[in-house]
Amino acid sequence: MESIEEIENEIVEEFAMFDDWMQKYEYLIDLGKSLPLINEKYKTEDNIIKGCQSQVWMHSELIDGKVIYTADSDAIITKGMVALMIRVLSNHTPDEIINAELDFIGKIGLTQHLSPTRSNGLLSMIKQMKLDAVAYKTKNI
């Protein structure tokens, strides 16, 4: 199983292959299409990420000590951002998720190329994923 840091490095390398941000956005959109979709029963008000301009539903569960995330969004770029975050954080232990620094976001230039509302949405996603990990950790102590 790859570490969070190894996955982040892979993503940085993938984004480095593209010359401009139009290509990177297209790649993000493609990533969104590969997102493991959330079960329709979890598309509830409780699972909506607050602070996102578009609607993002995220569900997590703890399976064999690892947090598994599924999600969906009604916006294609946002769906790609969620897919990236799930690829990095899903299938890791609560501790690994809580301690993840997520440097790759800055390294691929995502923060500079997102609108302020999308940036806030991304931060809200990360916050929610880490909060879920904290909740699972405290349940298991």
C-alpha atoms as a PDB file:
ATOM      1  CA  MET A   1       0.000   0.000   0.000  1.00  0.00           C
ATOM      2  CA  GLU A   2       1.401   3.353  -1.009  1.00  0.00           C
ATOM      3  CA  SER A   3       1.846   6.067   1.575  1.00  0.00           C
ATOM      4  CA  ILE A   4      -0.033   9.358   1.301  1.00  0.00           C
ATOM      5  CA  GLU A   5       3.264  11.052   0.434  1.00  0.00           C
ATOM      6  CA  GLU A   6       3.973   8.592  -2.420  1.00  0.00           C
ATOM      7  CA  ILE A   7       0.510   9.207  -3.892  1.00  0.00           C
ATOM      8  CA  GLU A   8       1.045  12.973  -3.605  1.00  0.00           C
ATOM      9  CA  ASN A   9       4.371  12.658  -5.472  1.00  0.00           C
ATOM     10  CA  GLU A  10       2.677  10.656  -8.251  1.00  0.00           C
ATOM     11  CA  ILE A  11       0.062  13.392  -8.648  1.00  0.00           C
ATOM     12  CA  VAL A  12       2.759  16.095  -8.803  1.00  0.00           C
ATOM     13  CA  GLU A  13       4.515  14.102 -11.567  1.00  0.00           C
ATOM     14  CA  GLU A  14       1.249  13.614 -13.481  1.00  0.00           C
ATOM     15  CA  PHE A  15       0.431  17.331 -13.412  1.00  0.00           C
ATOM     16  CA  ALA A  16       4.012  18.190 -14.461  1.00  0.00           C
ATOM     17  CA  MET A  17       3.353  16.434 -17.805  1.00  0.00           C
ATOM     18  CA  PHE A  18       0.942  19.193 -18.862  1.00  0.00           C
ATOM     19  CA  ASP A  19       2.166  22.459 -20.329  1.00  0.00           C
ATOM     20  CA  ASP A  20      -0.707  24.730 -19.440  1.00  0.00           C
ATOM     21  CA  TRP A  21      -3.642  25.033 -17.101  1.00  0.00           C
ATOM     22  CA  MET A  22      -6.254  24.218 -19.722  1.00  0.00           C
ATOM     23  CA  GLN A  23      -4.702  20.755 -20.028  1.00  0.00           C
ATOM     24  CA  LYS A  24      -4.520  20.435 -16.252  1.00  0.00           C
ATOM     25  CA  TYR A  25      -8.198  21.346 -15.919  1.00  0.00           C
ATOM     26  CA  GLU A  26      -9.057  18.739 -18.561  1.00  0.00           C
ATOM     27  CA  TYR A  27      -7.076  16.183 -16.572  1.00  0.00           C
ATOM     28  CA  LEU A  28      -8.923  17.186 -13.399  1.00  0.00           C
ATOM     29  CA  ILE A  29     -12.235  16.706 -15.209  1.00  0.00           C
ATOM     30  CA  ASP A  30     -11.113  13.249 -16.379  1.00  0.00           C
ATOM     31  CA  LEU A  31     -10.155  12.354 -12.809  1.00  0.00           C
ATOM     32  CA  GLY A  32     -13.639  13.379 -11.717  1.00  0.00           C
ATOM     33  CA  LYS A  33     -15.122  10.887 -14.163  1.00  0.00           C
ATOM     34  CA  SER A  34     -13.211   8.081 -12.431  1.00  0.00           C
ATOM     35  CA  LEU A  35     -14.426   9.046  -8.960  1.00  0.00           C
ATOM     36  CA  PRO A  36     -15.802   6.092  -6.967  1.00  0.00           C
ATOM     37  CA  LEU A  37     -19.395   7.248  -6.753  1.00  0.00           C
ATOM     38  CA  ILE A  38     -21.213   7.689  -3.519  1.00  0.00           C
ATOM     39  CA  ASN A  39     -24.224   5.459  -2.949  1.00  0.00           C
ATOM     40  CA  GLU A  40     -27.388   7.465  -3.696  1.00  0.00           C
ATOM     41  CA  LYS A  41     -28.637   6.843  -0.142  1.00  0.00           C
ATOM     42  CA  TYR A  42     -25.752   8.985   1.170  1.00  0.00           C
ATOM     43  CA  LYS A  43     -26.660  11.990  -0.987  1.00  0.00           C
ATOM     44  CA  THR A  44     -28.284  13.664   1.971  1.00  0.00           C
ATOM     45  CA  GLU A  45     -28.149  17.093   3.538  1.00  0.00           C
ATOM     46  CA  ASP A  46     -25.931  15.655   6.317  1.00  0.00           C
ATOM     47  CA  ASN A  47     -23.286  14.602   3.810  1.00  0.00           C
ATOM     48  CA  ILE A  48     -23.086  17.908   1.930  1.00  0.00           C
ATOM     49  CA  ILE A  49     -19.756  19.669   2.441  1.00  0.00           C
ATOM     50  CA  LYS A  50     -20.474  23.095   3.858  1.00  0.00           C
ATOM     51  CA  GLY A  51     -18.497  25.902   2.277  1.00  0.00           C
ATOM     52  CA  CYS A  52     -18.504  24.524  -1.257  1.00  0.00           C
ATOM     53  CA  GLN A  53     -20.097  26.658  -3.938  1.00  0.00           C
ATOM     54  CA  SER A  54     -21.244  23.567  -5.827  1.00  0.00           C
ATOM     55  CA  GLN A  55     -22.883  20.634  -4.153  1.00  0.00           C
ATOM     56  CA  VAL A  56     -20.473  18.021  -2.868  1.00  0.00           C
ATOM     57  CA  TRP A  57     -21.625  14.955  -1.002  1.00  0.00           C
ATOM     58  CA  MET A  58     -19.061  12.929   0.906  1.00  0.00           C
ATOM     59  CA  HIS A  59     -19.453   9.740   2.857  1.00  0.00           C
ATOM     60  CA  SER A  60     -16.812   7.908   4.846  1.00  0.00           C
ATOM     61  CA  GLU A  61     -16.635   4.655   6.711  1.00  0.00           C
ATOM     62  CA  LEU A  62     -13.983   2.841   8.675  1.00  0.00           C
ATOM     63  CA  ILE A  63     -13.190  -0.579   7.228  1.00  0.00           C
ATOM     64  CA  ASP A  64     -10.402  -2.705   8.740  1.00  0.00           C
ATOM     65  CA  GLY A  65      -8.885   0.342  10.428  1.00  0.00           C
ATOM     66  CA  LYS A  66      -8.796   2.420   7.242  1.00  0.00           C
ATOM     67  CA  VAL A  67     -11.067   5.292   6.266  1.00  0.00           C
ATOM     68  CA  ILE A  68     -12.799   4.826   2.901  1.00  0.00           C
ATOM     69  CA  TYR A  69     -14.316   7.905   1.265  1.00  0.00           C
ATOM     70  CA  THR A  70     -16.875   8.090  -1.530  1.00  0.00           C
ATOM     71  CA  ALA A  71     -18.261  11.303  -2.973  1.00  0.00           C
ATOM     72  CA  ASP A  72     -20.001  13.067  -5.798  1.00  0.00           C
ATOM     73  CA  SER A  73     -20.435  16.630  -7.001  1.00  0.00           C
ATOM     74  CA  ASP A  74     -22.699  18.410  -9.439  1.00  0.00           C
ATOM     75  CA  ALA A  75     -19.750  20.403 -10.867  1.00  0.00           C
ATOM     76  CA  ILE A  76     -17.109  18.788 -13.066  1.00  0.00           C
ATOM     77  CA  ILE A  77     -14.016  20.623 -11.788  1.00  0.00           C
ATOM     78  CA  THR A  78     -15.097  20.122  -8.187  1.00  0.00           C
ATOM     79  CA  LYS A  79     -15.652  16.442  -8.896  1.00  0.00           C
ATOM     80  CA  GLY A  80     -12.036  16.269 -10.089  1.00  0.00           C
ATOM     81  CA  MET A  81     -10.818  17.973  -6.921  1.00  0.00           C
ATOM     82  CA  VAL A  82     -12.786  15.494  -4.804  1.00  0.00           C
ATOM     83  CA  ALA A  83     -11.348  12.608  -6.852  1.00  0.00           C
ATOM     84  CA  LEU A  84      -7.819  13.879  -6.132  1.00  0.00           C
ATOM     85  CA  MET A  85      -8.478  14.168  -2.399  1.00  0.00           C
ATOM     86  CA  ILE A  86     -10.039  10.700  -2.240  1.00  0.00           C
ATOM     87  CA  ARG A  87      -7.126   9.218  -4.170  1.00  0.00           C
ATOM     88  CA  VAL A  88      -4.710  10.716  -1.645  1.00  0.00           C
ATOM     89  CA  LEU A  89      -6.564  10.130   1.629  1.00  0.00           C
ATOM     90  CA  SER A  90      -8.917   7.185   1.142  1.00  0.00           C
ATOM     91  CA  ASN A  91      -7.764   3.774   2.344  1.00  0.00           C
ATOM     92  CA  HIS A  92      -5.429   5.131   5.014  1.00  0.00           C
ATOM     93  CA  THR A  93      -5.615   5.031   8.789  1.00  0.00           C
ATOM     94  CA  PRO A  94      -7.174   7.927  10.714  1.00  0.00           C
ATOM     95  CA  ASP A  95      -3.702   8.888  12.018  1.00  0.00           C
ATOM     96  CA  GLU A  96      -2.196   9.008   8.528  1.00  0.00           C
ATOM     97  CA  ILE A  97      -5.072  11.195   7.313  1.00  0.00           C
ATOM     98  CA  ILE A  98      -4.930  13.528  10.316  1.00  0.00           C
ATOM     99  CA  ASN A  99      -1.155  13.988   9.889  1.00  0.00           C
ATOM    100  CA  ALA A 100      -1.152  14.362   6.086  1.00  0.00           C
ATOM    101  CA  GLU A 101       0.351  17.706   5.068  1.00  0.00           C
ATOM    102  CA  LEU A 102      -1.076  17.635   1.529  1.00  0.00           C
ATOM    103  CA  ASP A 103       1.808  19.634   0.032  1.00  0.00           C
ATOM    104  CA  PHE A 104       0.898  18.412  -3.440  1.00  0.00           C
ATOM    105  CA  ILE A 105      -1.947  20.955  -3.687  1.00  0.00           C
ATOM    106  CA  GLY A 106       0.531  23.826  -3.735  1.00  0.00           C
ATOM    107  CA  LYS A 107       3.110  21.894  -5.785  1.00  0.00           C
ATOM    108  CA  ILE A 108       0.730  21.303  -8.689  1.00  0.00           C
ATOM    109  CA  GLY A 109      -0.312  24.954  -8.568  1.00  0.00           C
ATOM    110  CA  LEU A 110      -3.927  24.161  -7.769  1.00  0.00           C
ATOM    111  CA  THR A 111      -4.270  26.858  -5.127  1.00  0.00           C
ATOM    112  CA  GLN A 112      -3.141  29.619  -7.513  1.00  0.00           C
ATOM    113  CA  HIS A 113      -5.465  28.467 -10.292  1.00  0.00           C
ATOM    114  CA  LEU A 114      -8.697  28.037  -8.376  1.00  0.00           C
ATOM    115  CA  SER A 115     -11.232  30.771  -7.889  1.00  0.00           C
ATOM    116  CA  PRO A 116     -11.531  31.890  -4.242  1.00  0.00           C
ATOM    117  CA  THR A 117     -14.845  30.027  -3.884  1.00  0.00           C
ATOM    118  CA  ARG A 118     -13.331  26.798  -5.255  1.00  0.00           C
ATOM    119  CA  SER A 119     -10.306  27.226  -2.985  1.00  0.00           C
ATOM    120  CA  ASN A 120     -12.635  27.552   0.001  1.00  0.00           C
ATOM    121  CA  GLY A 121     -14.506  24.484  -1.187  1.00  0.00           C
ATOM    122  CA  LEU A 122     -11.282  22.487  -1.385  1.00  0.00           C
ATOM    123  CA  LEU A 123     -10.329  23.561   2.137  1.00  0.00           C
ATOM    124  CA  SER A 124     -13.804  22.575   3.351  1.00  0.00           C
ATOM    125  CA  MET A 125     -13.410  19.127   1.768  1.00  0.00           C
ATOM    126  CA  ILE A 126     -10.032  18.583   3.402  1.00  0.00           C
ATOM    127  CA  LYS A 127     -11.369  19.790   6.743  1.00  0.00           C
ATOM    128  CA  GLN A 128     -14.319  17.392   6.535  1.00  0.00           C
ATOM    129  CA  MET A 129     -12.094  14.438   5.581  1.00  0.00           C
ATOM    130  CA  LYS A 130      -9.785  15.147   8.503  1.00  0.00           C
ATOM    131  CA  LEU A 131     -12.736  15.639  10.891  1.00  0.00           C
ATOM    132  CA  ASP A 132     -14.097  12.236   9.854  1.00  0.00           C
ATOM    133  CA  ALA A 133     -10.666  10.691  10.537  1.00  0.00           C
ATOM    134  CA  VAL A 134     -10.572  12.329  13.989  1.00  0.00           C
ATOM    135  CA  ALA A 135     -14.057  10.967  14.735  1.00  0.00           C
ATOM    136  CA  TYR A 136     -13.017   7.425  13.771  1.00  0.00           C
ATOM    137  CA  LYS A 137      -9.831   7.706  15.795  1.00  0.00           C
ATOM    138  CA  THR A 138     -11.656   8.794  18.950  1.00  0.00           C
ATOM    139  CA  LYS A 139     -14.224   6.001  18.530  1.00  0.00           C
ATOM    140  CA  ASN A 140     -11.446   3.423  18.383  1.00  0.00           C
ATOM    141  CA  ILE A 141      -9.421   4.546  21.392  1.00  0.00           C
END
